[in-house]
């Protein structure tokens, strides 16, 4: 097979902590998620194993990484190492790539509600 097409209708969708998430199939060991939010991710967490890379497609906001504020806007890309506490605020549309792909048992919630 020369290609694999995943149709939009086949992509699982869910809502989590103020974020609409489209969860695409892993590409090898890498996970891919499309994120859209009007307010941000209202939960602080870190991942024990996965690095996170966010590509900002639309909008602007702030990531809070181990309590440091990093402002982002459309066209930016931010790479985050494993074990870094993460949450973000803003009106954002993003692609999130996790390496290795996200596994629920590796996510640690550090604060349930930020605002």
PDB file of N, CA and C in Angstrom:
ATOM      1  N   UNK A   1       0.850  -1.185   0.000  1.00  0.00           N
ATOM      2  CA  UNK A   1       0.000   0.000   0.000  1.00  0.00           C
ATOM      3  C   UNK A   1       0.890   1.242   0.000  1.00  0.00           C
ATOM      4  N   UNK A   2       0.615   2.171  -0.889  1.00  0.00           N
ATOM      5  CA  UNK A   2       1.418   3.385  -1.020  1.00  0.00           C
ATOM      6  C   UNK A   2       0.981   4.495  -0.083  1.00  0.00           C
ATOM      7  N   UNK A   3      -0.222   4.420   0.458  1.00  0.00           N
ATOM      8  CA  UNK A   3      -0.706   5.462   1.365  1.00  0.00           C
ATOM      9  C   UNK A   3      -1.822   4.916   2.225  1.00  0.00           C
ATOM     10  N   UNK A   4      -2.104   5.646   3.290  1.00  0.00           N
ATOM     11  CA  UNK A   4      -3.253   5.324   4.123  1.00  0.00           C
ATOM     12  C   UNK A   4      -4.017   6.621   4.346  1.00  0.00           C
ATOM     13  N   UNK A   5      -5.282   6.635   4.005  1.00  0.00           N
ATOM     14  CA  UNK A   5      -6.136   7.794   4.180  1.00  0.00           C
ATOM     15  C   UNK A   5      -7.051   7.559   5.372  1.00  0.00           C
ATOM     16  N   UNK A   6      -7.024   8.471   6.315  1.00  0.00           N
ATOM     17  CA  UNK A   6      -7.966   8.429   7.429  1.00  0.00           C
ATOM     18  C   UNK A   6      -8.979   9.532   7.207  1.00  0.00           C
ATOM     19  N   UNK A   7     -10.214   9.166   7.013  1.00  0.00           N
ATOM     20  CA  UNK A   7     -11.281  10.134   6.780  1.00  0.00           C
ATOM     21  C   UNK A   7     -11.666  10.828   8.077  1.00  0.00           C
ATOM     22  N   UNK A   8     -12.058  12.079   7.969  1.00  0.00           N
ATOM     23  CA  UNK A   8     -12.488  12.851   9.136  1.00  0.00           C
ATOM     24  C   UNK A   8     -13.558  12.120   9.924  1.00  0.00           C
ATOM     25  N   UNK A   9     -14.459  11.452   9.224  1.00  0.00           N
ATOM     26  CA  UNK A   9     -15.552  10.739   9.885  1.00  0.00           C
ATOM     27  C   UNK A   9     -15.055   9.547  10.713  1.00  0.00           C
ATOM     28  N   UNK A  10     -13.826   9.104  10.478  1.00  0.00           N
ATOM     29  CA  UNK A  10     -13.248   7.971  11.196  1.00  0.00           C
ATOM     30  C   UNK A  10     -12.438   8.392  12.429  1.00  0.00           C
ATOM     31  N   UNK A  11     -12.242   9.697  12.599  1.00  0.00           N
ATOM     32  CA  UNK A  11     -11.384  10.196  13.672  1.00  0.00           C
ATOM     33  C   UNK A  11     -12.214  10.390  14.942  1.00  0.00           C
ATOM     34  N   UNK A  12     -11.853   9.676  16.021  1.00  0.00           N
ATOM     35  CA  UNK A  12     -12.589   9.863  17.279  1.00  0.00           C
ATOM     36  C   UNK A  12     -12.469  11.294  17.793  1.00  0.00           C
ATOM     37  N   UNK A  13     -13.585  11.808  18.315  1.00  0.00           N
ATOM     38  CA  UNK A  13     -13.628  13.163  18.850  1.00  0.00           C
ATOM     39  C   UNK A  13     -14.069  13.093  20.297  1.00  0.00           C
ATOM     40  N   UNK A  14     -13.468  13.947  21.142  1.00  0.00           N
ATOM     41  CA  UNK A  14     -13.891  14.007  22.532  1.00  0.00           C
ATOM     42  C   UNK A  14     -13.640  15.398  23.078  1.00  0.00           C
ATOM     43  N   UNK A  15     -14.192  15.672  24.238  1.00  0.00           N
ATOM     44  CA  UNK A  15     -13.986  16.940  24.933  1.00  0.00           C
ATOM     45  C   UNK A  15     -13.298  16.620  26.246  1.00  0.00           C
ATOM     46  N   UNK A  16     -12.286  17.433  26.579  1.00  0.00           N
ATOM     47  CA  UNK A  16     -11.534  17.212  27.809  1.00  0.00           C
ATOM     48  C   UNK A  16     -11.072  18.557  28.358  1.00  0.00           C
ATOM     49  N   UNK A  17     -11.561  18.923  29.515  1.00  0.00           N
ATOM     50  CA  UNK A  17     -11.074  20.103  30.244  1.00  0.00           C
ATOM     51  C   UNK A  17     -11.132  21.389  29.415  1.00  0.00           C
ATOM     52  N   UNK A  18     -12.219  21.597  28.662  1.00  0.00           N
ATOM     53  CA  UNK A  18     -12.376  22.807  27.859  1.00  0.00           C
ATOM     54  C   UNK A  18     -11.782  22.731  26.471  1.00  0.00           C
ATOM     55  N   UNK A  19     -11.365  21.546  26.040  1.00  0.00           N
ATOM     56  CA  UNK A  19     -10.682  21.374  24.765  1.00  0.00           C
ATOM     57  C   UNK A  19     -11.429  20.337  23.928  1.00  0.00           C
ATOM     58  N   UNK A  20     -11.679  20.659  22.650  1.00  0.00           N
ATOM     59  CA  UNK A  20     -12.214  19.685  21.696  1.00  0.00           C
ATOM     60  C   UNK A  20     -11.029  18.995  21.032  1.00  0.00           C
ATOM     61  N   UNK A  21     -11.027  17.666  21.058  1.00  0.00           N
ATOM     62  CA  UNK A  21      -9.877  16.891  20.598  1.00  0.00           C
ATOM     63  C   UNK A  21     -10.312  15.917  19.506  1.00  0.00           C
ATOM     64  N   UNK A  22      -9.554  15.874  18.419  1.00  0.00           N
ATOM     65  CA  UNK A  22      -9.698  14.864  17.372  1.00  0.00           C
ATOM     66  C   UNK A  22      -8.451  13.991  17.465  1.00  0.00           C
ATOM     67  N   UNK A  23      -8.633  12.704  17.746  1.00  0.00           N
ATOM     68  CA  UNK A  23      -7.518  11.796  18.008  1.00  0.00           C
ATOM     69  C   UNK A  23      -7.267  10.940  16.770  1.00  0.00           C
ATOM     70  N   UNK A  24      -6.190  11.253  16.051  1.00  0.00           N
ATOM     71  CA  UNK A  24      -5.834  10.527  14.838  1.00  0.00           C
ATOM     72  C   UNK A  24      -5.060   9.260  15.192  1.00  0.00           C
ATOM     73  N   UNK A  25      -5.030   8.277  14.297  1.00  0.00           N
ATOM     74  CA  UNK A  25      -4.242   7.063  14.559  1.00  0.00           C
ATOM     75  C   UNK A  25      -2.755   7.421  14.692  1.00  0.00           C
ATOM     76  N   UNK A  26      -2.062   6.677  15.549  1.00  0.00           N
ATOM     77  CA  UNK A  26      -0.621   6.891  15.687  1.00  0.00           C
ATOM     78  C   UNK A  26       0.074   6.665  14.356  1.00  0.00           C
ATOM     79  N   UNK A  27       1.141   7.415  14.154  1.00  0.00           N
ATOM     80  CA  UNK A  27       2.001   7.251  12.983  1.00  0.00           C
ATOM     81  C   UNK A  27       3.290   6.634  13.516  1.00  0.00           C
ATOM     82  N   UNK A  28       3.444   5.339  13.340  1.00  0.00           N
ATOM     83  CA  UNK A  28       4.572   4.653  13.968  1.00  0.00           C
ATOM     84  C   UNK A  28       4.442   4.795  15.471  1.00  0.00           C
ATOM     85  N   UNK A  29       5.452   5.375  16.119  1.00  0.00           N
ATOM     86  CA  UNK A  29       5.411   5.557  17.579  1.00  0.00           C
ATOM     87  C   UNK A  29       4.894   6.927  17.987  1.00  0.00           C
ATOM     88  N   UNK A  30       4.527   7.776  17.018  1.00  0.00           N
ATOM     89  CA  UNK A  30       4.132   9.156  17.274  1.00  0.00           C
ATOM     90  C   UNK A  30       2.613   9.299  17.268  1.00  0.00           C
ATOM     91  N   UNK A  31       2.069  10.017  18.269  1.00  0.00           N
ATOM     92  CA  UNK A  31       0.647  10.312  18.337  1.00  0.00           C
ATOM     93  C   UNK A  31       0.347  11.678  17.742  1.00  0.00           C
ATOM     94  N   UNK A  32      -0.824  11.831  17.120  1.00  0.00           N
ATOM     95  CA  UNK A  32      -1.224  13.091  16.494  1.00  0.00           C
ATOM     96  C   UNK A  32      -2.647  13.434  16.919  1.00  0.00           C
ATOM     97  N   UNK A  33      -2.826  14.681  17.392  1.00  0.00           N
ATOM     98  CA  UNK A  33      -4.120  15.145  17.862  1.00  0.00           C
ATOM     99  C   UNK A  33      -4.351  16.553  17.337  1.00  0.00           C
ATOM    100  N   UNK A  34      -5.577  16.841  16.898  1.00  0.00           N
ATOM    101  CA  UNK A  34      -5.965  18.209  16.554  1.00  0.00           C
ATOM    102  C   UNK A  34      -6.762  18.759  17.732  1.00  0.00           C
ATOM    103  N   UNK A  35      -6.411  19.970  18.150  1.00  0.00           N
ATOM    104  CA  UNK A  35      -7.003  20.585  19.336  1.00  0.00           C
ATOM    105  C   UNK A  35      -7.643  21.912  18.948  1.00  0.00           C
ATOM    106  N   UNK A  36      -8.829  22.147  19.492  1.00  0.00           N
ATOM    107  CA  UNK A  36      -9.477  23.449  19.331  1.00  0.00           C
ATOM    108  C   UNK A  36     -10.080  23.833  20.678  1.00  0.00           C
ATOM    109  N   UNK A  37      -9.790  25.066  21.118  1.00  0.00           N
ATOM    110  CA  UNK A  37     -10.337  25.554  22.377  1.00  0.00           C
ATOM    111  C   UNK A  37     -10.543  27.058  22.302  1.00  0.00           C
ATOM    112  N   UNK A  38     -11.568  27.522  22.973  1.00  0.00           N
ATOM    113  CA  UNK A  38     -11.825  28.960  23.071  1.00  0.00           C
ATOM    114  C   UNK A  38     -11.261  29.537  24.375  1.00  0.00           C
ATOM    115  N   UNK A  39     -10.964  28.667  25.348  1.00  0.00           N
ATOM    116  CA  UNK A  39     -10.509  29.150  26.667  1.00  0.00           C
ATOM    117  C   UNK A  39      -9.168  28.566  27.101  1.00  0.00           C
ATOM    118  N   UNK A  40      -8.878  27.343  26.716  1.00  0.00           N
ATOM    119  CA  UNK A  40      -7.635  26.697  27.122  1.00  0.00           C
ATOM    120  C   UNK A  40      -7.884  25.330  27.734  1.00  0.00           C
ATOM    121  N   UNK A  41      -6.826  24.739  28.238  1.00  0.00           N
ATOM    122  CA  UNK A  41      -6.857  23.412  28.869  1.00  0.00           C
ATOM    123  C   UNK A  41      -6.898  23.616  30.374  1.00  0.00           C
ATOM    124  N   UNK A  42      -8.059  23.428  30.966  1.00  0.00           N
ATOM    125  CA  UNK A  42      -8.303  23.767  32.370  1.00  0.00           C
ATOM    126  C   UNK A  42      -7.877  22.631  33.301  1.00  0.00           C
ATOM    127  N   UNK A  43      -6.680  22.136  33.101  1.00  0.00           N
ATOM    128  CA  UNK A  43      -6.113  21.113  33.976  1.00  0.00           C
ATOM    129  C   UNK A  43      -4.604  21.093  33.756  1.00  0.00           C
ATOM    130  N   UNK A  44      -3.866  21.091  34.838  1.00  0.00           N
ATOM    131  CA  UNK A  44      -2.412  20.981  34.728  1.00  0.00           C
ATOM    132  C   UNK A  44      -2.039  19.504  34.823  1.00  0.00           C
ATOM    133  N   UNK A  45      -1.088  19.091  33.981  1.00  0.00           N
ATOM    134  CA  UNK A  45      -0.660  17.687  33.957  1.00  0.00           C
ATOM    135  C   UNK A  45       0.789  17.623  33.510  1.00  0.00           C
ATOM    136  N   UNK A  46       1.377  16.456  33.653  1.00  0.00           N
ATOM    137  CA  UNK A  46       2.628  16.162  32.971  1.00  0.00           C
ATOM    138  C   UNK A  46       2.576  14.721  32.496  1.00  0.00           C
ATOM    139  N   UNK A  47       3.439  14.392  31.572  1.00  0.00           N
ATOM    140  CA  UNK A  47       3.506  13.038  31.056  1.00  0.00           C
ATOM    141  C   UNK A  47       4.854  12.439  31.450  1.00  0.00           C
ATOM    142  N   UNK A  48       4.835  11.229  31.956  1.00  0.00           N
ATOM    143  CA  UNK A  48       6.059  10.578  32.430  1.00  0.00           C
ATOM    144  C   UNK A  48       7.023  10.230  31.295  1.00  0.00           C
ATOM    145  N   UNK A  49       6.502   9.961  30.079  1.00  0.00           N
ATOM    146  CA  UNK A  49       7.353   9.452  28.992  1.00  0.00           C
ATOM    147  C   UNK A  49       7.330  10.276  27.709  1.00  0.00           C
ATOM    148  N   UNK A  50       6.201  10.915  27.393  1.00  0.00           N
ATOM    149  CA  UNK A  50       6.048  11.562  26.085  1.00  0.00           C
ATOM    150  C   UNK A  50       6.507  13.008  26.084  1.00  0.00           C
ATOM    151  N   UNK A  51       7.206  13.375  25.010  1.00  0.00           N
ATOM    152  CA  UNK A  51       7.464  14.776  24.699  1.00  0.00           C
ATOM    153  C   UNK A  51       6.274  15.269  23.886  1.00  0.00           C
ATOM    154  N   UNK A  52       5.889  16.538  24.080  1.00  0.00           N
ATOM    155  CA  UNK A  52       4.762  17.131  23.379  1.00  0.00           C
ATOM    156  C   UNK A  52       5.278  18.241  22.466  1.00  0.00           C
ATOM    157  N   UNK A  53       4.806  18.263  21.233  1.00  0.00           N
ATOM    158  CA  UNK A  53       5.075  19.366  20.316  1.00  0.00           C
ATOM    159  C   UNK A  53       3.736  19.902  19.854  1.00  0.00           C
ATOM    160  N   UNK A  54       3.542  21.212  20.027  1.00  0.00           N
ATOM    161  CA  UNK A  54       2.309  21.872  19.601  1.00  0.00           C
ATOM    162  C   UNK A  54       2.643  22.815  18.458  1.00  0.00           C
ATOM    163  N   UNK A  55       1.887  22.734  17.368  1.00  0.00           N
ATOM    164  CA  UNK A  55       1.973  23.677  16.255  1.00  0.00           C
ATOM    165  C   UNK A  55       0.691  24.494  16.289  1.00  0.00           C
ATOM    166  N   UNK A  56       0.834  25.807  16.463  1.00  0.00           N
ATOM    167  CA  UNK A  56      -0.317  26.691  16.586  1.00  0.00           C
ATOM    168  C   UNK A  56      -0.797  27.045  15.177  1.00  0.00           C
ATOM    169  N   UNK A  57      -2.004  26.595  14.829  1.00  0.00           N
ATOM    170  CA  UNK A  57      -2.569  26.854  13.502  1.00  0.00           C
ATOM    171  C   UNK A  57      -3.324  28.179  13.463  1.00  0.00           C
ATOM    172  N   UNK A  58      -4.087  28.464  14.518  1.00  0.00           N
ATOM    173  CA  UNK A  58      -4.893  29.683  14.587  1.00  0.00           C
ATOM    174  C   UNK A  58      -4.941  30.168  16.025  1.00  0.00           C
ATOM    175  N   UNK A  59      -5.106  31.490  16.176  1.00  0.00           N
ATOM    176  CA  UNK A  59      -5.334  32.061  17.494  1.00  0.00           C
ATOM    177  C   UNK A  59      -4.058  32.413  18.230  1.00  0.00           C
ATOM    178  N   UNK A  60      -4.236  32.671  19.527  1.00  0.00           N
ATOM    179  CA  UNK A  60      -3.105  33.013  20.389  1.00  0.00           C
ATOM    180  C   UNK A  60      -3.474  32.682  21.827  1.00  0.00           C
ATOM    181  N   UNK A  61      -2.451  32.618  22.667  1.00  0.00           N
ATOM    182  CA  UNK A  61      -2.659  32.311  24.071  1.00  0.00           C
ATOM    183  C   UNK A  61      -1.343  32.161  24.788  1.00  0.00           C
ATOM    184  N   UNK A  62      -1.388  31.474  25.920  1.00  0.00           N
ATOM    185  CA  UNK A  62      -0.195  31.251  26.733  1.00  0.00           C
ATOM    186  C   UNK A  62      -0.141  29.808  27.202  1.00  0.00           C
ATOM    187  N   UNK A  63       1.044  29.224  27.109  1.00  0.00           N
ATOM    188  CA  UNK A  63       1.334  27.952  27.749  1.00  0.00           C
ATOM    189  C   UNK A  63       1.984  28.251  29.085  1.00  0.00           C
ATOM    190  N   UNK A  64       1.671  27.443  30.078  1.00  0.00           N
ATOM    191  CA  UNK A  64       2.289  27.557  31.386  1.00  0.00           C
ATOM    192  C   UNK A  64       3.036  26.251  31.619  1.00  0.00           C
ATOM    193  N   UNK A  65       4.366  26.344  31.596  1.00  0.00           N
ATOM    194  CA  UNK A  65       5.233  25.176  31.686  1.00  0.00           C
ATOM    195  C   UNK A  65       6.039  25.282  32.969  1.00  0.00           C
ATOM    196  N   UNK A  66       5.766  24.396  33.927  1.00  0.00           N
ATOM    197  CA  UNK A  66       6.393  24.487  35.254  1.00  0.00           C
ATOM    198  C   UNK A  66       6.266  25.910  35.790  1.00  0.00           C
ATOM    199  N   UNK A  67       5.067  26.501  35.634  1.00  0.00           N
ATOM    200  CA  UNK A  67       4.690  27.840  36.106  1.00  0.00           C
ATOM    201  C   UNK A  67       5.296  28.999  35.307  1.00  0.00           C
ATOM    202  N   UNK A  68       6.054  28.733  34.252  1.00  0.00           N
ATOM    203  CA  UNK A  68       6.590  29.801  33.398  1.00  0.00           C
ATOM    204  C   UNK A  68       5.621  30.045  32.248  1.00  0.00           C
ATOM    205  N   UNK A  69       5.228  31.317  32.045  1.00  0.00           N
ATOM    206  CA  UNK A  69       4.304  31.660  30.960  1.00  0.00           C
ATOM    207  C   UNK A  69       5.065  31.867  29.661  1.00  0.00           C
ATOM    208  N   UNK A  70       4.601  31.178  28.598  1.00  0.00           N
ATOM    209  CA  UNK A  70       5.162  31.310  27.258  1.00  0.00           C
ATOM    210  C   UNK A  70       4.013  31.712  26.335  1.00  0.00           C
ATOM    211  N   UNK A  71       4.084  32.909  25.770  1.00  0.00           N
ATOM    212  CA  UNK A  71       3.037  33.381  24.859  1.00  0.00           C
ATOM    213  C   UNK A  71       3.252  32.772  23.467  1.00  0.00           C
ATOM    214  N   UNK A  72       2.137  32.350  22.840  1.00  0.00           N
ATOM    215  CA  UNK A  72       2.195  31.737  21.512  1.00  0.00           C
ATOM    216  C   UNK A  72       1.119  32.340  20.613  1.00  0.00           C
ATOM    217  N   UNK A  73       1.352  32.261  19.307  1.00  0.00           N
ATOM    218  CA  UNK A  73       0.355  32.706  18.336  1.00  0.00           C
ATOM    219  C   UNK A  73       0.504  31.878  17.063  1.00  0.00           C
ATOM    220  N   UNK A  74      -0.432  32.054  16.145  1.00  0.00           N
ATOM    221  CA  UNK A  74      -0.482  31.279  14.902  1.00  0.00           C
ATOM    222  C   UNK A  74       0.884  31.254  14.218  1.00  0.00           C
ATOM    223  N   UNK A  75       1.294  30.055  13.825  1.00  0.00           N
ATOM    224  CA  UNK A  75       2.575  29.856  13.158  1.00  0.00           C
ATOM    225  C   UNK A  75       3.682  29.399  14.087  1.00  0.00           C
ATOM    226  N   UNK A  76       3.504  29.561  15.396  1.00  0.00           N
ATOM    227  CA  UNK A  76       4.519  29.140  16.358  1.00  0.00           C
ATOM    228  C   UNK A  76       4.484  27.627  16.563  1.00  0.00           C
ATOM    229  N   UNK A  77       5.617  27.095  17.027  1.00  0.00           N
ATOM    230  CA  UNK A  77       5.711  25.699  17.428  1.00  0.00           C
ATOM    231  C   UNK A  77       6.437  25.665  18.770  1.00  0.00           C
ATOM    232  N   UNK A  78       5.906  24.901  19.721  1.00  0.00           N
ATOM    233  CA  UNK A  78       6.530  24.779  21.029  1.00  0.00           C
ATOM    234  C   UNK A  78       6.753  23.302  21.329  1.00  0.00           C
ATOM    235  N   UNK A  79       7.976  22.956  21.726  1.00  0.00           N
ATOM    236  CA  UNK A  79       8.346  21.590  22.061  1.00  0.00           C
ATOM    237  C   UNK A  79       8.528  21.499  23.571  1.00  0.00           C
ATOM    238  N   UNK A  80       7.947  20.463  24.180  1.00  0.00           N
ATOM    239  CA  UNK A  80       7.932  20.339  25.635  1.00  0.00           C
ATOM    240  C   UNK A  80       8.434  18.953  26.028  1.00  0.00           C
ATOM    241  N   UNK A  81       9.432  18.920  26.887  1.00  0.00           N
ATOM    242  CA  UNK A  81      10.031  17.671  27.337  1.00  0.00           C
ATOM    243  C   UNK A  81       9.097  16.911  28.281  1.00  0.00           C
ATOM    244  N   UNK A  82       9.257  15.579  28.374  1.00  0.00           N
ATOM    245  CA  UNK A  82       8.487  14.802  29.351  1.00  0.00           C
ATOM    246  C   UNK A  82       8.724  15.354  30.763  1.00  0.00           C
ATOM    247  N   UNK A  83       7.772  15.116  31.636  1.00  0.00           N
ATOM    248  CA  UNK A  83       7.823  15.490  33.054  1.00  0.00           C
ATOM    249  C   UNK A  83       7.741  17.001  33.277  1.00  0.00           C
ATOM    250  N   UNK A  84       7.332  17.767  32.257  1.00  0.00           N
ATOM    251  CA  UNK A  84       7.108  19.206  32.389  1.00  0.00           C
ATOM    252  C   UNK A  84       5.627  19.423  32.656  1.00  0.00           C
ATOM    253  N   UNK A  85       5.292  20.156  33.718  1.00  0.00           N
ATOM    254  CA  UNK A  85       3.893  20.457  34.007  1.00  0.00           C
ATOM    255  C   UNK A  85       3.366  21.417  32.953  1.00  0.00           C
ATOM    256  N   UNK A  86       2.166  21.106  32.412  1.00  0.00           N
ATOM    257  CA  UNK A  86       1.597  21.839  31.270  1.00  0.00           C
ATOM    258  C   UNK A  86       0.141  22.202  31.538  1.00  0.00           C
ATOM    259  N   UNK A  87      -0.219  23.429  31.201  1.00  0.00           N
ATOM    260  CA  UNK A  87      -1.593  23.802  30.891  1.00  0.00           C
ATOM    261  C   UNK A  87      -1.511  25.022  29.999  1.00  0.00           C
ATOM    262  N   UNK A  88      -2.613  25.388  29.348  1.00  0.00           N
ATOM    263  CA  UNK A  88      -2.586  26.550  28.459  1.00  0.00           C
ATOM    264  C   UNK A  88      -3.928  27.244  28.482  1.00  0.00           C
ATOM    265  N   UNK A  89      -3.872  28.550  28.130  1.00  0.00           N
ATOM    266  CA  UNK A  89      -5.055  29.394  28.059  1.00  0.00           C
ATOM    267  C   UNK A  89      -5.069  30.091  26.704  1.00  0.00           C
ATOM    268  N   UNK A  90      -6.270  30.400  26.226  1.00  0.00           N
ATOM    269  CA  UNK A  90      -6.399  31.171  25.002  1.00  0.00           C
ATOM    270  C   UNK A  90      -7.361  30.527  24.024  1.00  0.00           C
ATOM    271  N   UNK A  91      -7.582  31.249  22.953  1.00  0.00           N
ATOM    272  CA  UNK A  91      -8.375  30.743  21.839  1.00  0.00           C
ATOM    273  C   UNK A  91      -7.380  30.196  20.829  1.00  0.00           C
ATOM    274  N   UNK A  92      -7.305  28.864  20.742  1.00  0.00           N
ATOM    275  CA  UNK A  92      -6.239  28.220  19.987  1.00  0.00           C
ATOM    276  C   UNK A  92      -6.771  27.059  19.157  1.00  0.00           C
ATOM    277  N   UNK A  93      -6.198  26.901  17.975  1.00  0.00           N
ATOM    278  CA  UNK A  93      -6.368  25.692  17.180  1.00  0.00           C
ATOM    279  C   UNK A  93      -4.966  25.177  16.908  1.00  0.00           C
ATOM    280  N   UNK A  94      -4.706  23.900  17.260  1.00  0.00           N
ATOM    281  CA  UNK A  94      -3.339  23.392  17.235  1.00  0.00           C
ATOM    282  C   UNK A  94      -3.298  21.941  16.776  1.00  0.00           C
ATOM    283  N   UNK A  95      -2.130  21.538  16.332  1.00  0.00           N
ATOM    284  CA  UNK A  95      -1.795  20.131  16.150  1.00  0.00           C
ATOM    285  C   UNK A  95      -0.834  19.786  17.283  1.00  0.00           C
ATOM    286  N   UNK A  96      -1.120  18.672  17.962  1.00  0.00           N
ATOM    287  CA  UNK A  96      -0.247  18.185  19.029  1.00  0.00           C
ATOM    288  C   UNK A  96       0.355  16.865  18.570  1.00  0.00           C
ATOM    289  N   UNK A  97       1.674  16.767  18.655  1.00  0.00           N
ATOM    290  CA  UNK A  97       2.377  15.532  18.324  1.00  0.00           C
ATOM    291  C   UNK A  97       3.046  15.038  19.596  1.00  0.00           C
ATOM    292  N   UNK A  98       2.818  13.778  19.958  1.00  0.00           N
ATOM    293  CA  UNK A  98       3.449  13.207  21.138  1.00  0.00           C
ATOM    294  C   UNK A  98       4.400  12.096  20.711  1.00  0.00           C
ATOM    295  N   UNK A  99       5.570  12.075  21.352  1.00  0.00           N
ATOM    296  CA  UNK A  99       6.594  11.085  21.029  1.00  0.00           C
ATOM    297  C   UNK A  99       7.221  10.576  22.315  1.00  0.00           C
ATOM    298  N   UNK A 100       6.963   9.310  22.663  1.00  0.00           N
ATOM    299  CA  UNK A 100       6.081   8.355  21.994  1.00  0.00           C
ATOM    300  C   UNK A 100       4.622   8.757  22.144  1.00  0.00           C
ATOM    301  N   UNK A 101       3.763   8.083  21.406  1.00  0.00           N
ATOM    302  CA  UNK A 101       2.326   8.369  21.458  1.00  0.00           C
ATOM    303  C   UNK A 101       1.791   8.339  22.883  1.00  0.00           C
ATOM    304  N   UNK A 102       0.800   9.190  23.145  1.00  0.00           N
ATOM    305  CA  UNK A 102       0.226   9.335  24.480  1.00  0.00           C
ATOM    306  C   UNK A 102      -0.399   8.028  24.957  1.00  0.00           C
ATOM    307  N   UNK A 103      -0.145   7.700  26.209  1.00  0.00           N
ATOM    308  CA  UNK A 103      -0.763   6.555  26.875  1.00  0.00           C
ATOM    309  C   UNK A 103      -1.361   7.056  28.181  1.00  0.00           C
ATOM    310  N   UNK A 104      -2.621   6.745  28.480  1.00  0.00           N
ATOM    311  CA  UNK A 104      -3.269   7.308  29.670  1.00  0.00           C
ATOM    312  C   UNK A 104      -2.536   7.018  30.977  1.00  0.00           C
ATOM    313  N   UNK A 105      -1.884   5.869  31.075  1.00  0.00           N
ATOM    314  CA  UNK A 105      -1.206   5.536  32.325  1.00  0.00           C
ATOM    315  C   UNK A 105       0.045   6.387  32.578  1.00  0.00           C
ATOM    316  N   UNK A 106       0.513   7.128  31.572  1.00  0.00           N
ATOM    317  CA  UNK A 106       1.693   7.983  31.742  1.00  0.00           C
ATOM    318  C   UNK A 106       1.352   9.425  32.093  1.00  0.00           C
ATOM    319  N   UNK A 107       0.056   9.776  32.045  1.00  0.00           N
ATOM    320  CA  UNK A 107      -0.347  11.145  32.357  1.00  0.00           C
ATOM    321  C   UNK A 107      -0.602  11.286  33.853  1.00  0.00           C
ATOM    322  N   UNK A 108      -0.028  12.337  34.435  1.00  0.00           N
ATOM    323  CA  UNK A 108      -0.207  12.623  35.855  1.00  0.00           C
ATOM    324  C   UNK A 108      -0.881  13.981  35.974  1.00  0.00           C
ATOM    325  N   UNK A 109      -2.070  14.009  36.581  1.00  0.00           N
ATOM    326  CA  UNK A 109      -2.783  15.268  36.799  1.00  0.00           C
ATOM    327  C   UNK A 109      -2.228  15.913  38.058  1.00  0.00           C
ATOM    328  N   UNK A 110      -1.778  17.175  37.940  1.00  0.00           N
ATOM    329  CA  UNK A 110      -1.207  17.866  39.100  1.00  0.00           C
ATOM    330  C   UNK A 110      -2.158  18.904  39.698  1.00  0.00           C
ATOM    331  N   UNK A 111      -3.032  19.473  38.871  1.00  0.00           N
ATOM    332  CA  UNK A 111      -4.100  20.375  39.348  1.00  0.00           C
ATOM    333  C   UNK A 111      -5.311  20.124  38.478  1.00  0.00           C
ATOM    334  N   UNK A 112      -6.444  19.822  39.107  1.00  0.00           N
ATOM    335  CA  UNK A 112      -7.655  19.461  38.381  1.00  0.00           C
ATOM    336  C   UNK A 112      -8.311  20.643  37.691  1.00  0.00           C
ATOM    337  N   UNK A 113      -8.359  21.804  38.341  1.00  0.00           N
ATOM    338  CA  UNK A 113      -9.025  22.973  37.769  1.00  0.00           C
ATOM    339  C   UNK A 113      -8.147  24.198  37.972  1.00  0.00           C
ATOM    340  N   UNK A 114      -7.766  24.838  36.884  1.00  0.00           N
ATOM    341  CA  UNK A 114      -6.851  25.980  36.941  1.00  0.00           C
ATOM    342  C   UNK A 114      -7.609  27.277  37.179  1.00  0.00           C
ATOM    343  N   UNK A 115      -8.758  27.450  36.547  1.00  0.00           N
ATOM    344  CA  UNK A 115      -9.529  28.681  36.720  1.00  0.00           C
ATOM    345  C   UNK A 115     -10.976  28.375  36.993  1.00  0.00           C
TER     346      UNK A 115
END
